[in-house]
C-alpha atoms as a PDB file:
ATOM      1  CA  MET A   1     -28.421  31.132  19.234  1.00  0.00           C
ATOM      2  CA  LYS A   2     -28.553  31.704  15.766  1.00  0.00           C
ATOM      3  CA  ILE A   3     -26.956  28.417  13.496  1.00  0.00           C
ATOM      4  CA  ASN A   4     -25.015  29.238  10.385  1.00  0.00           C
ATOM      5  CA  SER A   5     -25.949  27.287   7.791  1.00  0.00           C
ATOM      6  CA  THR A   6     -22.893  28.074   5.221  1.00  0.00           C
ATOM      7  CA  SER A   7     -21.033  27.004   8.257  1.00  0.00           C
ATOM      8  CA  LEU A   8     -22.672  23.890   8.938  1.00  0.00           C
ATOM      9  CA  ASN A   9     -22.496  22.992   5.253  1.00  0.00           C
ATOM     10  CA  GLN A  10     -18.706  23.455   5.116  1.00  0.00           C
ATOM     11  CA  SER A  11     -18.083  21.263   8.416  1.00  0.00           C
ATOM     12  CA  TRP A  12     -20.322  18.366   6.795  1.00  0.00           C
ATOM     13  CA  ASN A  13     -18.092  18.574   3.455  1.00  0.00           C
ATOM     14  CA  THR A  14     -14.517  18.416   5.528  1.00  0.00           C
ATOM     15  CA  ILE A  15     -15.465  15.724   7.579  1.00  0.00           C
ATOM     16  CA  LYS A  16     -17.295  13.779   4.300  1.00  0.00           C
ATOM     17  CA  ASN A  17     -13.991  14.472   2.644  1.00  0.00           C
ATOM     18  CA  ARG A  18     -11.644  13.671   5.319  1.00  0.00           C
ATOM     19  CA  TYR A  19     -13.513  10.805   6.646  1.00  0.00           C
ATOM     20  CA  SER A  20     -16.062   9.245   4.523  1.00  0.00           C
ATOM     21  CA  ILE A  21     -13.711   6.058   4.268  1.00  0.00           C
ATOM     22  CA  LEU A  22     -13.982   5.549   7.959  1.00  0.00           C
ATOM     23  CA  LEU A  23     -17.528   6.381   7.992  1.00  0.00           C
ATOM     24  CA  VAL A  24     -18.278   3.471   5.608  1.00  0.00           C
ATOM     25  CA  LEU A  25     -16.179   1.084   7.420  1.00  0.00           C
ATOM     26  CA  LEU A  26     -17.746   2.089  10.920  1.00  0.00           C
ATOM     27  CA  PHE A  27     -21.005   1.423   9.149  1.00  0.00           C
ATOM     28  CA  LEU A  28     -20.372  -1.713   7.327  1.00  0.00           C
ATOM     29  CA  ILE A  29     -19.014  -3.283  10.794  1.00  0.00           C
ATOM     30  CA  VAL A  30     -22.203  -2.214  12.644  1.00  0.00           C
ATOM     31  CA  VAL A  31     -24.335  -3.666   9.530  1.00  0.00           C
ATOM     32  CA  SER A  32     -22.482  -7.007   9.396  1.00  0.00           C
ATOM     33  CA  SER A  33     -22.257  -7.363  13.363  1.00  0.00           C
ATOM     34  CA  LEU A  34     -26.170  -6.950  12.947  1.00  0.00           C
ATOM     35  CA  VAL A  35     -26.494  -9.531  10.375  1.00  0.00           C
ATOM     36  CA  ASN A  36     -24.316 -12.351  12.012  1.00  0.00           C
ATOM     37  CA  PRO A  37     -23.750 -12.318  15.551  1.00  0.00           C
ATOM     38  CA  ASN A  38     -20.222 -14.277  15.163  1.00  0.00           C
ATOM     39  CA  PHE A  39     -19.161 -11.355  12.829  1.00  0.00           C
ATOM     40  CA  LEU A  40     -17.549  -9.509  15.742  1.00  0.00           C
ATOM     41  CA  THR A  41     -16.199 -12.489  17.566  1.00  0.00           C
ATOM     42  CA  GLY A  42     -12.219 -12.602  18.118  1.00  0.00           C
ATOM     43  CA  SER A  43     -11.414 -15.589  15.994  1.00  0.00           C
ATOM     44  CA  ASN A  44     -13.536 -13.884  13.062  1.00  0.00           C
ATOM     45  CA  MET A  45     -11.608 -10.851  13.340  1.00  0.00           C
ATOM     46  CA  SER A  46      -8.157 -12.335  13.705  1.00  0.00           C
ATOM     47  CA  ASN A  47      -9.098 -14.785  10.711  1.00  0.00           C
ATOM     48  CA  VAL A  48     -10.030 -11.436   8.492  1.00  0.00           C
ATOM     49  CA  SER A  49      -6.894  -9.679   9.498  1.00  0.00           C
ATOM     50  CA  ARG A  50      -4.827 -12.663   8.781  1.00  0.00           C
ATOM     51  CA  GLN A  51      -6.682 -12.878   4.985  1.00  0.00           C
ATOM     52  CA  ILE A  52      -6.342  -9.484   4.721  1.00  0.00           C
ATOM     53  CA  SER A  53      -2.845  -8.859   5.800  1.00  0.00           C
ATOM     54  CA  VAL A  54      -1.432 -10.347   2.408  1.00  0.00           C
ATOM     55  CA  THR A  55      -3.943  -8.188  -0.355  1.00  0.00           C
ATOM     56  CA  THR A  56      -2.760  -5.117   2.003  1.00  0.00           C
ATOM     57  CA  ILE A  57       0.381  -5.269   1.608  1.00  0.00           C
ATOM     58  CA  LEU A  58       0.184  -5.707  -2.192  1.00  0.00           C
ATOM     59  CA  ALA A  59      -2.216  -2.501  -1.860  1.00  0.00           C
ATOM     60  CA  PHE A  60       0.436  -0.526  -0.668  1.00  0.00           C
ATOM     61  CA  GLY A  61       2.670  -1.259  -3.578  1.00  0.00           C
ATOM     62  CA  GLU A  62      -0.613  -0.287  -5.689  1.00  0.00           C
ATOM     63  CA  THR A  63      -0.672   2.764  -3.880  1.00  0.00           C
ATOM     64  CA  LEU A  64       2.691   4.208  -4.696  1.00  0.00           C
ATOM     65  CA  LEU A  65       2.284   2.974  -8.654  1.00  0.00           C
ATOM     66  CA  ILE A  66      -1.268   4.532  -8.825  1.00  0.00           C
ATOM     67  CA  ILE A  67      -0.239   7.906  -7.116  1.00  0.00           C
ATOM     68  CA  CYS A  68       2.452   8.345  -9.852  1.00  0.00           C
ATOM     69  CA  GLY A  69       0.366   7.368 -12.596  1.00  0.00           C
ATOM     70  CA  LEU A  70       1.120   3.745 -12.936  1.00  0.00           C
ATOM     71  CA  ILE A  71      -0.410   0.420 -12.384  1.00  0.00           C
ATOM     72  CA  ASP A  72       0.693  -3.511 -11.489  1.00  0.00           C
ATOM     73  CA  LEU A  73      -1.517  -6.332 -12.904  1.00  0.00           C
ATOM     74  CA  SER A  74       1.570  -8.822 -12.011  1.00  0.00           C
ATOM     75  CA  SER A  75       1.482  -8.581  -8.435  1.00  0.00           C
ATOM     76  CA  GLY A  76      -0.383 -12.014  -7.983  1.00  0.00           C
ATOM     77  CA  SER A  77       1.423 -13.653 -10.209  1.00  0.00           C
ATOM     78  CA  VAL A  78       5.207 -12.427  -9.205  1.00  0.00           C
ATOM     79  CA  LEU A  79       3.542 -13.386  -5.714  1.00  0.00           C
ATOM     80  CA  ALA A  80       3.063 -16.872  -6.550  1.00  0.00           C
ATOM     81  CA  LEU A  81       6.739 -16.955  -8.297  1.00  0.00           C
ATOM     82  CA  SER A  82       8.842 -15.250  -5.702  1.00  0.00           C
ATOM     83  CA  GLY A  83       6.683 -17.454  -2.775  1.00  0.00           C
ATOM     84  CA  ILE A  84       7.329 -20.796  -4.404  1.00  0.00           C
ATOM     85  CA  LEU A  85      10.998 -20.351  -5.167  1.00  0.00           C
ATOM     86  CA  SER A  86      11.242 -18.946  -1.278  1.00  0.00           C
ATOM     87  CA  VAL A  87       9.719 -22.385  -0.303  1.00  0.00           C
ATOM     88  CA  ALA A  88      11.711 -24.141  -2.565  1.00  0.00           C
ATOM     89  CA  VAL A  89      14.862 -22.881  -0.825  1.00  0.00           C
ATOM     90  CA  PHE A  90      13.622 -23.281   2.501  1.00  0.00           C
ATOM     91  CA  LYS A  91      13.116 -26.779   1.800  1.00  0.00           C
ATOM     92  CA  ALA A  92      16.567 -27.478   0.155  1.00  0.00           C
ATOM     93  CA  THR A  93      18.496 -25.162   2.931  1.00  0.00           C
ATOM     94  CA  GLY A  94      16.311 -25.067   5.883  1.00  0.00           C
ATOM     95  CA  SER A  95      17.052 -21.358   6.590  1.00  0.00           C
ATOM     96  CA  LEU A  96      14.132 -19.062   7.029  1.00  0.00           C
ATOM     97  CA  PRO A  97      16.305 -15.567   6.391  1.00  0.00           C
ATOM     98  CA  LEU A  98      17.408 -17.135   3.049  1.00  0.00           C
ATOM     99  CA  ALA A  99      14.283 -17.938   1.839  1.00  0.00           C
ATOM    100  CA  PHE A 100      12.621 -14.731   2.859  1.00  0.00           C
ATOM    101  CA  ALA A 101      15.369 -13.087   0.655  1.00  0.00           C
ATOM    102  CA  VAL A 102      15.395 -15.132  -2.341  1.00  0.00           C
ATOM    103  CA  ALA A 103      11.483 -14.005  -2.467  1.00  0.00           C
ATOM    104  CA  ILE A 104      12.356 -10.172  -2.442  1.00  0.00           C
ATOM    105  CA  ILE A 105      14.866 -10.530  -4.895  1.00  0.00           C
ATOM    106  CA  VAL A 106      12.690 -12.443  -7.036  1.00  0.00           C
ATOM    107  CA  ALA A 107       9.738  -9.967  -6.713  1.00  0.00           C
ATOM    108  CA  VAL A 108      12.140  -6.769  -7.206  1.00  0.00           C
ATOM    109  CA  PHE A 109      13.749  -8.457 -10.503  1.00  0.00           C
ATOM    110  CA  CYS A 110      10.630  -8.864 -11.650  1.00  0.00           C
ATOM    111  CA  ASN A 111       9.534  -5.215 -11.370  1.00  0.00           C
ATOM    112  CA  PHE A 112      12.754  -4.213 -12.153  1.00  0.00           C
ATOM    113  CA  ILE A 113      11.998  -5.642 -15.779  1.00  0.00           C
ATOM    114  CA  ASN A 114       8.199  -3.599 -15.508  1.00  0.00           C
ATOM    115  CA  GLY A 115      10.154  -0.712 -14.118  1.00  0.00           C
ATOM    116  CA  LEU A 116      12.637  -1.429 -17.488  1.00  0.00           C
ATOM    117  CA  MET A 117       9.672  -1.749 -19.906  1.00  0.00           C
ATOM    118  CA  VAL A 118       7.882   1.238 -18.877  1.00  0.00           C
ATOM    119  CA  THR A 119      10.705   3.791 -18.268  1.00  0.00           C
ATOM    120  CA  LYS A 120      13.478   2.646 -21.151  1.00  0.00           C
ATOM    121  CA  PHE A 121      11.076   1.446 -23.875  1.00  0.00           C
ATOM    122  CA  LYS A 122       8.030   3.179 -22.891  1.00  0.00           C
ATOM    123  CA  THR A 123       5.904   0.428 -22.540  1.00  0.00           C
ATOM    124  CA  PRO A 124       2.528   1.468 -21.202  1.00  0.00           C
ATOM    125  CA  PRO A 125       2.277   0.112 -17.948  1.00  0.00           C
ATOM    126  CA  PHE A 126      -0.783  -1.496 -18.070  1.00  0.00           C
ATOM    127  CA  ILE A 127       0.740  -3.853 -21.235  1.00  0.00           C
ATOM    128  CA  ALA A 128       4.203  -4.197 -19.507  1.00  0.00           C
ATOM    129  CA  THR A 129       2.962  -5.579 -16.406  1.00  0.00           C
ATOM    130  CA  LEU A 130       0.176  -7.814 -17.921  1.00  0.00           C
ATOM    131  CA  ALA A 131       3.076  -9.532 -19.958  1.00  0.00           C
ATOM    132  CA  MET A 132       4.459 -10.098 -16.548  1.00  0.00           C
ATOM    133  CA  GLN A 133       1.642 -11.251 -15.221  1.00  0.00           C
ATOM    134  CA  ALA A 134       2.116 -14.336 -17.766  1.00  0.00           C
ATOM    135  CA  MET A 135       5.814 -14.483 -17.481  1.00  0.00           C
ATOM    136  CA  ALA A 136       5.609 -14.948 -13.754  1.00  0.00           C
ATOM    137  CA  ARG A 137       2.517 -17.271 -13.544  1.00  0.00           C
ATOM    138  CA  GLY A 138       4.022 -19.207 -16.376  1.00  0.00           C
ATOM    139  CA  ALA A 139       7.532 -19.798 -14.674  1.00  0.00           C
ATOM    140  CA  ALA A 140       5.709 -20.683 -11.607  1.00  0.00           C
ATOM    141  CA  LEU A 141       4.002 -23.556 -13.107  1.00  0.00           C
ATOM    142  CA  LEU A 142       6.931 -24.195 -15.035  1.00  0.00           C
ATOM    143  CA  TYR A 143       9.202 -24.695 -12.103  1.00  0.00           C
ATOM    144  CA  THR A 144       6.475 -26.714 -10.450  1.00  0.00           C
ATOM    145  CA  ASN A 145       5.448 -28.664 -13.362  1.00  0.00           C
ATOM    146  CA  GLY A 146       1.953 -27.554 -11.811  1.00  0.00           C
ATOM    147  CA  GLN A 147       2.108 -29.371  -8.823  1.00  0.00           C
ATOM    148  CA  ASN A 148       2.085 -27.823  -5.128  1.00  0.00           C
ATOM    149  CA  ILE A 149       4.861 -28.280  -2.882  1.00  0.00           C
ATOM    150  CA  TYR A 150       3.967 -29.679   0.496  1.00  0.00           C
ATOM    151  CA  GLN A 151       5.727 -30.486   3.952  1.00  0.00           C
ATOM    152  CA  ILE A 152       6.627 -27.157   4.575  1.00  0.00           C
ATOM    153  CA  GLU A 153       5.938 -26.853   8.594  1.00  0.00           C
ATOM    154  CA  GLY A 154       8.804 -24.523   9.766  1.00  0.00           C
ATOM    155  CA  TYR A 155       8.049 -22.470   7.269  1.00  0.00           C
ATOM    156  CA  THR A 156       4.452 -21.458   8.766  1.00  0.00           C
ATOM    157  CA  VAL A 157       6.090 -19.105  11.170  1.00  0.00           C
ATOM    158  CA  PHE A 158       5.349 -16.220   8.853  1.00  0.00           C
ATOM    159  CA  GLY A 159       1.756 -16.698   8.516  1.00  0.00           C
ATOM    160  CA  GLN A 160       0.419 -18.771  11.417  1.00  0.00           C
ATOM    161  CA  GLY A 161       2.348 -17.746  13.989  1.00  0.00           C
ATOM    162  CA  PHE A 162       1.909 -14.380  16.688  1.00  0.00           C
ATOM    163  CA  ILE A 163       4.303 -12.088  18.202  1.00  0.00           C
ATOM    164  CA  GLY A 164       2.480 -11.943  21.673  1.00  0.00           C
ATOM    165  CA  PHE A 165      -1.138 -11.689  21.094  1.00  0.00           C
ATOM    166  CA  ILE A 166      -1.145  -9.931  17.311  1.00  0.00           C
ATOM    167  CA  PRO A 167      -0.851 -12.599  14.612  1.00  0.00           C
ATOM    168  CA  THR A 168       2.671 -12.314  12.793  1.00  0.00           C
ATOM    169  CA  PRO A 169       1.210 -11.350   8.860  1.00  0.00           C
ATOM    170  CA  VAL A 170      -0.767  -8.041  10.944  1.00  0.00           C
ATOM    171  CA  VAL A 171       2.655  -7.433  12.848  1.00  0.00           C
ATOM    172  CA  PHE A 172       3.702  -7.169   9.116  1.00  0.00           C
ATOM    173  CA  LEU A 173       1.074  -5.301   7.841  1.00  0.00           C
ATOM    174  CA  LEU A 174       1.878  -2.574  10.468  1.00  0.00           C
ATOM    175  CA  ILE A 175       5.193  -2.665   9.705  1.00  0.00           C
ATOM    176  CA  PHE A 176       4.631  -1.847   5.892  1.00  0.00           C
ATOM    177  CA  PHE A 177       1.463   0.403   6.573  1.00  0.00           C
ATOM    178  CA  PHE A 178       3.768   3.188   8.872  1.00  0.00           C
ATOM    179  CA  LEU A 179       6.894   2.621   6.267  1.00  0.00           C
ATOM    180  CA  THR A 180       4.179   3.566   3.384  1.00  0.00           C
ATOM    181  CA  TRP A 181       3.103   6.529   5.287  1.00  0.00           C
ATOM    182  CA  TYR A 182       6.644   7.726   5.931  1.00  0.00           C
ATOM    183  CA  LEU A 183       7.465   7.525   2.796  1.00  0.00           C
ATOM    184  CA  LEU A 184       4.656   9.154   1.227  1.00  0.00           C
ATOM    185  CA  LYS A 185       4.164  11.891   3.721  1.00  0.00           C
ATOM    186  CA  HIS A 186       7.791  12.493   4.945  1.00  0.00           C
ATOM    187  CA  THR A 187      10.244  11.889   2.062  1.00  0.00           C
ATOM    188  CA  ARG A 188      11.318  13.424  -1.216  1.00  0.00           C
ATOM    189  CA  PHE A 189      10.685  10.451  -2.702  1.00  0.00           C
ATOM    190  CA  GLY A 190       7.028  10.603  -1.751  1.00  0.00           C
ATOM    191  CA  ARG A 191       6.408  13.847  -3.047  1.00  0.00           C
ATOM    192  CA  SER A 192       8.006  13.598  -6.202  1.00  0.00           C
ATOM    193  CA  LEU A 193       5.483  10.461  -6.933  1.00  0.00           C
ATOM    194  CA  PHE A 194       2.239  12.684  -6.249  1.00  0.00           C
ATOM    195  CA  ALA A 195       3.816  15.561  -8.373  1.00  0.00           C
ATOM    196  CA  ILE A 196       4.434  12.928 -11.294  1.00  0.00           C
ATOM    197  CA  GLY A 197       0.625  11.692 -10.805  1.00  0.00           C
ATOM    198  CA  GLY A 198      -0.692  15.186 -10.755  1.00  0.00           C
ATOM    199  CA  ASN A 199       1.368  16.577 -13.915  1.00  0.00           C
ATOM    200  CA  GLU A 200       4.154  14.614 -15.288  1.00  0.00           C
ATOM    201  CA  GLU A 201       5.304  17.760 -17.211  1.00  0.00           C
ATOM    202  CA  ALA A 202       5.190  20.251 -14.604  1.00  0.00           C
ATOM    203  CA  ALA A 203       7.163  17.419 -12.817  1.00  0.00           C
ATOM    204  CA  ILE A 204      10.280  17.222 -15.387  1.00  0.00           C
ATOM    205  CA  ALA A 205       9.947  21.028 -15.741  1.00  0.00           C
ATOM    206  CA  SER A 206      10.660  21.592 -11.944  1.00  0.00           C
ATOM    207  CA  GLY A 207      13.529  19.226 -12.397  1.00  0.00           C
ATOM    208  CA  ILE A 208      12.090  15.988 -11.025  1.00  0.00           C
ATOM    209  CA  ASN A 209      13.646  12.881 -12.301  1.00  0.00           C
ATOM    210  CA  VAL A 210      10.396  10.865 -13.667  1.00  0.00           C
ATOM    211  CA  ASN A 211      11.885   7.887 -14.850  1.00  0.00           C
ATOM    212  CA  ARG A 212      14.051   6.808 -11.581  1.00  0.00           C
ATOM    213  CA  ASN A 213      11.418   7.659  -9.422  1.00  0.00           C
ATOM    214  CA  LYS A 214       9.072   5.174 -11.705  1.00  0.00           C
ATOM    215  CA  MET A 215      11.654   2.674 -11.219  1.00  0.00           C
ATOM    216  CA  ALA A 216      12.008   3.113  -7.470  1.00  0.00           C
ATOM    217  CA  ALA A 217       8.078   2.907  -7.214  1.00  0.00           C
ATOM    218  CA  PHE A 218       8.601  -0.520  -9.038  1.00  0.00           C
ATOM    219  CA  LEU A 219      11.415  -1.733  -6.916  1.00  0.00           C
ATOM    220  CA  VAL A 220       9.144  -0.677  -3.462  1.00  0.00           C
ATOM    221  CA  ASN A 221       6.415  -2.448  -4.854  1.00  0.00           C
ATOM    222  CA  GLY A 222       8.964  -5.637  -5.481  1.00  0.00           C
ATOM    223  CA  VAL A 223       9.762  -5.930  -2.249  1.00  0.00           C
ATOM    224  CA  LEU A 224       6.364  -5.598  -0.602  1.00  0.00           C
ATOM    225  CA  VAL A 225       4.945  -8.555  -3.358  1.00  0.00           C
ATOM    226  CA  GLY A 226       7.843 -10.648  -2.033  1.00  0.00           C
ATOM    227  CA  VAL A 227       6.742  -9.901   1.392  1.00  0.00           C
ATOM    228  CA  ALA A 228       3.496 -10.619   0.600  1.00  0.00           C
ATOM    229  CA  GLY A 229       4.644 -13.802  -1.286  1.00  0.00           C
ATOM    230  CA  VAL A 230       6.477 -15.212   1.956  1.00  0.00           C
ATOM    231  CA  LEU A 231       3.167 -14.545   3.773  1.00  0.00           C
ATOM    232  CA  PHE A 232       0.640 -16.147   1.870  1.00  0.00           C
ATOM    233  CA  MET A 233       2.918 -19.239   1.555  1.00  0.00           C
ATOM    234  CA  SER A 234       3.402 -19.603   4.908  1.00  0.00           C
ATOM    235  CA  ARG A 235      -0.710 -18.895   5.691  1.00  0.00           C
ATOM    236  CA  VAL A 236      -1.381 -21.826   3.643  1.00  0.00           C
ATOM    237  CA  ASN A 237       1.167 -24.349   4.234  1.00  0.00           C
ATOM    238  CA  ALA A 238       2.132 -24.974   1.004  1.00  0.00           C
ATOM    239  CA  GLY A 239       4.105 -23.704  -2.522  1.00  0.00           C
ATOM    240  CA  LEU A 240       1.116 -23.022  -4.640  1.00  0.00           C
ATOM    241  CA  PRO A 241       1.977 -22.290  -7.917  1.00  0.00           C
ATOM    242  CA  ASN A 242      -1.968 -21.283  -8.925  1.00  0.00           C
ATOM    243  CA  GLY A 243      -2.064 -19.344  -5.700  1.00  0.00           C
ATOM    244  CA  ALA A 244      -2.710 -15.684  -5.623  1.00  0.00           C
ATOM    245  CA  ILE A 245      -5.077 -15.535  -8.410  1.00  0.00           C
ATOM    246  CA  ASN A 246      -6.609 -12.322  -9.012  1.00  0.00           C
ATOM    247  CA  TYR A 247      -5.149 -11.276  -5.967  1.00  0.00           C
ATOM    248  CA  GLU A 248      -3.746  -8.208  -7.929  1.00  0.00           C
ATOM    249  CA  PHE A 249      -7.556  -6.821  -8.114  1.00  0.00           C
ATOM    250  CA  GLN A 250      -8.101  -7.179  -4.847  1.00  0.00           C
ATOM    251  CA  ALA A 251      -5.230  -5.049  -3.738  1.00  0.00           C
ATOM    252  CA  LEU A 252      -6.414  -2.437  -6.690  1.00  0.00           C
ATOM    253  CA  THR A 253      -9.763  -2.566  -5.013  1.00  0.00           C
ATOM    254  CA  ALA A 254      -8.407  -1.718  -1.987  1.00  0.00           C
ATOM    255  CA  SER A 255      -6.325   0.885  -2.833  1.00  0.00           C
ATOM    256  CA  ILE A 256      -9.120   2.817  -5.107  1.00  0.00           C
ATOM    257  CA  ILE A 257     -11.713   2.269  -2.600  1.00  0.00           C
ATOM    258  CA  GLY A 258      -9.436   3.637   0.319  1.00  0.00           C
ATOM    259  CA  GLY A 259      -9.374   7.221  -2.055  1.00  0.00           C
ATOM    260  CA  THR A 260      -6.409   6.353  -4.235  1.00  0.00           C
ATOM    261  CA  SER A 261      -7.165   8.467  -7.621  1.00  0.00           C
ATOM    262  CA  PHE A 262      -7.239   6.160 -10.654  1.00  0.00           C
ATOM    263  CA  THR A 263      -5.986   9.374 -12.285  1.00  0.00           C
ATOM    264  CA  GLY A 264      -2.805   9.561 -10.011  1.00  0.00           C
ATOM    265  CA  GLY A 265      -1.559  12.210  -7.649  1.00  0.00           C
ATOM    266  CA  ILE A 266      -4.017  11.244  -4.848  1.00  0.00           C
ATOM    267  CA  GLY A 267      -3.583   8.845  -2.603  1.00  0.00           C
ATOM    268  CA  THR A 268      -2.857   8.180   1.791  1.00  0.00           C
ATOM    269  CA  ALA A 269      -1.699   4.678   3.397  1.00  0.00           C
ATOM    270  CA  GLY A 270      -4.223   4.868   5.956  1.00  0.00           C
ATOM    271  CA  GLY A 271      -6.894   5.450   3.246  1.00  0.00           C
ATOM    272  CA  THR A 272      -5.612   2.237   1.622  1.00  0.00           C
ATOM    273  CA  VAL A 273      -5.672   0.123   5.030  1.00  0.00           C
ATOM    274  CA  ALA A 274      -9.570   1.575   5.714  1.00  0.00           C
ATOM    275  CA  GLY A 275     -10.358   0.106   1.660  1.00  0.00           C
ATOM    276  CA  ALA A 276      -8.712  -3.236   2.573  1.00  0.00           C
ATOM    277  CA  PHE A 277     -10.545  -3.619   5.564  1.00  0.00           C
ATOM    278  CA  ILE A 278     -13.973  -2.745   3.918  1.00  0.00           C
ATOM    279  CA  VAL A 279     -12.968  -5.057   0.994  1.00  0.00           C
ATOM    280  CA  GLY A 280     -12.124  -7.588   3.450  1.00  0.00           C
ATOM    281  CA  PHE A 281     -15.108  -7.342   5.570  1.00  0.00           C
ATOM    282  CA  LEU A 282     -17.331  -7.334   2.830  1.00  0.00           C
ATOM    283  CA  ASN A 283     -15.832 -10.685   1.790  1.00  0.00           C
ATOM    284  CA  ASN A 284     -15.902 -12.367   5.261  1.00  0.00           C
ATOM    285  CA  ILE A 285     -19.770 -11.291   5.707  1.00  0.00           C
ATOM    286  CA  MET A 286     -20.923 -12.568   2.060  1.00  0.00           C
ATOM    287  CA  ASN A 287     -19.112 -15.940   3.252  1.00  0.00           C
ATOM    288  CA  LEU A 288     -20.728 -16.096   6.714  1.00  0.00           C
ATOM    289  CA  THR A 289     -24.353 -15.322   5.453  1.00  0.00           C
ATOM    290  CA  ASN A 290     -23.515 -17.921   2.457  1.00  0.00           C
ATOM    291  CA  VAL A 291     -24.008 -15.429  -0.262  1.00  0.00           C
ATOM    292  CA  ASN A 292     -23.349 -17.529  -3.796  1.00  0.00           C
ATOM    293  CA  SER A 293     -19.500 -17.397  -4.854  1.00  0.00           C
ATOM    294  CA  TYR A 294     -20.567 -16.290  -8.094  1.00  0.00           C
ATOM    295  CA  LEU A 295     -22.931 -13.512  -6.827  1.00  0.00           C
ATOM    296  CA  GLN A 296     -20.139 -12.485  -4.723  1.00  0.00           C
ATOM    297  CA  GLN A 297     -17.684 -11.802  -7.423  1.00  0.00           C
ATOM    298  CA  ILE A 298     -20.543  -9.639  -8.960  1.00  0.00           C
ATOM    299  CA  VAL A 299     -20.432  -7.622  -5.986  1.00  0.00           C
ATOM    300  CA  ARG A 300     -16.768  -7.579  -6.193  1.00  0.00           C
ATOM    301  CA  GLY A 301     -16.787  -6.218  -9.712  1.00  0.00           C
ATOM    302  CA  ALA A 302     -19.719  -3.622  -9.036  1.00  0.00           C
ATOM    303  CA  ILE A 303     -17.354  -2.278  -5.620  1.00  0.00           C
ATOM    304  CA  ILE A 304     -14.635  -1.641  -8.247  1.00  0.00           C
ATOM    305  CA  ALA A 305     -16.582   0.093 -10.739  1.00  0.00           C
ATOM    306  CA  LEU A 306     -18.640   2.280  -8.266  1.00  0.00           C
ATOM    307  CA  ALA A 307     -15.297   3.174  -6.988  1.00  0.00           C
ATOM    308  CA  VAL A 308     -14.016   4.405 -10.191  1.00  0.00           C
ATOM    309  CA  ILE A 309     -16.780   6.112 -11.117  1.00  0.00           C
ATOM    310  CA  TYR A 310     -16.699   8.113  -7.717  1.00  0.00           C
ATOM    311  CA  ASP A 311     -13.312   8.822  -8.097  1.00  0.00           C
ATOM    312  CA  ILE A 312     -13.660  10.495 -11.602  1.00  0.00           C
ATOM    313  CA  GLN A 313     -16.850  12.257 -10.666  1.00  0.00           C
ATOM    314  CA  SER A 314     -15.451  13.439  -7.338  1.00  0.00           C
ATOM    315  CA  LYS A 315     -12.434  14.896  -9.030  1.00  0.00           C
ATOM    316  CA  THR A 316     -14.411  16.307 -12.272  1.00  0.00           C
ATOM    317  CA  SER A 317     -16.883  17.925  -9.737  1.00  0.00           C
ATOM    318  CA  LYS A 318     -13.515  19.777  -7.888  1.00  0.00           C
ATOM    319  CA  GLN A 319     -11.889  20.643 -11.588  1.00  0.00           C
ATOM    320  CA  LYS A 320     -15.605  22.540 -12.307  1.00  0.00           C
ATOM    321  CA  LYS A 321     -15.433  23.961  -8.690  1.00  0.00           C
ATOM    322  CA  LYS A 322     -12.067  25.433  -9.154  1.00  0.00           C
ATOM    323  CA  LEU A 323     -12.840  26.851 -12.659  1.00  0.00           C
ATOM    324  CA  GLY A 324     -15.959  28.363 -11.272  1.00  0.00           C
ATOM    325  CA  ASN A 325     -13.582  30.475  -8.396  1.00  0.00           C
ATOM    326  CA  ILE A 326     -11.307  31.365 -11.119  1.00  0.00           C
ATOM    327  CA  THR A 327     -13.953  32.748 -13.706  1.00  0.00           C
ATOM    328  CA  GLU A 328     -16.018  34.625 -10.130  1.00  0.00           C
ATOM    329  CA  LYS A 329     -12.439  35.861  -9.599  1.00  0.00           C
END
């Protein structure tokens, strides 16, 4: 039987394009389990899943924004502000639903300001969200006078509890994974985000209200950041005004590693989850093997750089291939 090398190459390219992120994740799991036998234990997997739940939920928001050509550098600071105010409301009232609602309202308001600066005043998203990063962190520190808030035992049900045998943060992760997947795959809003990120001028010409969809993306991101704020403060059992520093970069890393194109128009919820687990497992195995914390920062930075370079090179090669096909025709 003669094997067609062309069809084999095409099959391999299809597998590589569709499942490369899963192959990387599988490879990392195998290598990590060989490096340290404690890696695949149930307690370690539960710990890692709790840790990455917060950054993965943030990454879903970043994915929505990056797909339509935006970015959020304020999510870690807004998370801290919304979480702190949520903890304060819980201590004052003892009401978990009210505390949860306050976190979402605060985060949505901050993202409304981000959206307003971008859509109304035409501020570049990088600058608008960088300004919000400073304001939100400053507001959290001002409100608490730089002090942590303790004795919030009843509040920990969100971050430390279980629903059946599944940790509560993982349940929230699964819920927002399916919601993000549905928004991107099966709604007009999701299709509009891809169109805007792919070619904003063409999206405008086709009748898409670009500013309204960009604002909606920021507001959805606000809901996700608010939920992440509750889970974070609940997991650490304290209100930390200096908490979640650089979480926005961890979320961006997960999203980009997961295949979301930094130039917009490309991204999936499933890829973001895989990217988050890659980052989470990599951090975990470095901690288990006692890798120097400063070296860990270098590794994380290198991963972001390589992911962006790969994204740009991949997109460039695809464009050249399309141009070549057009020239041949």
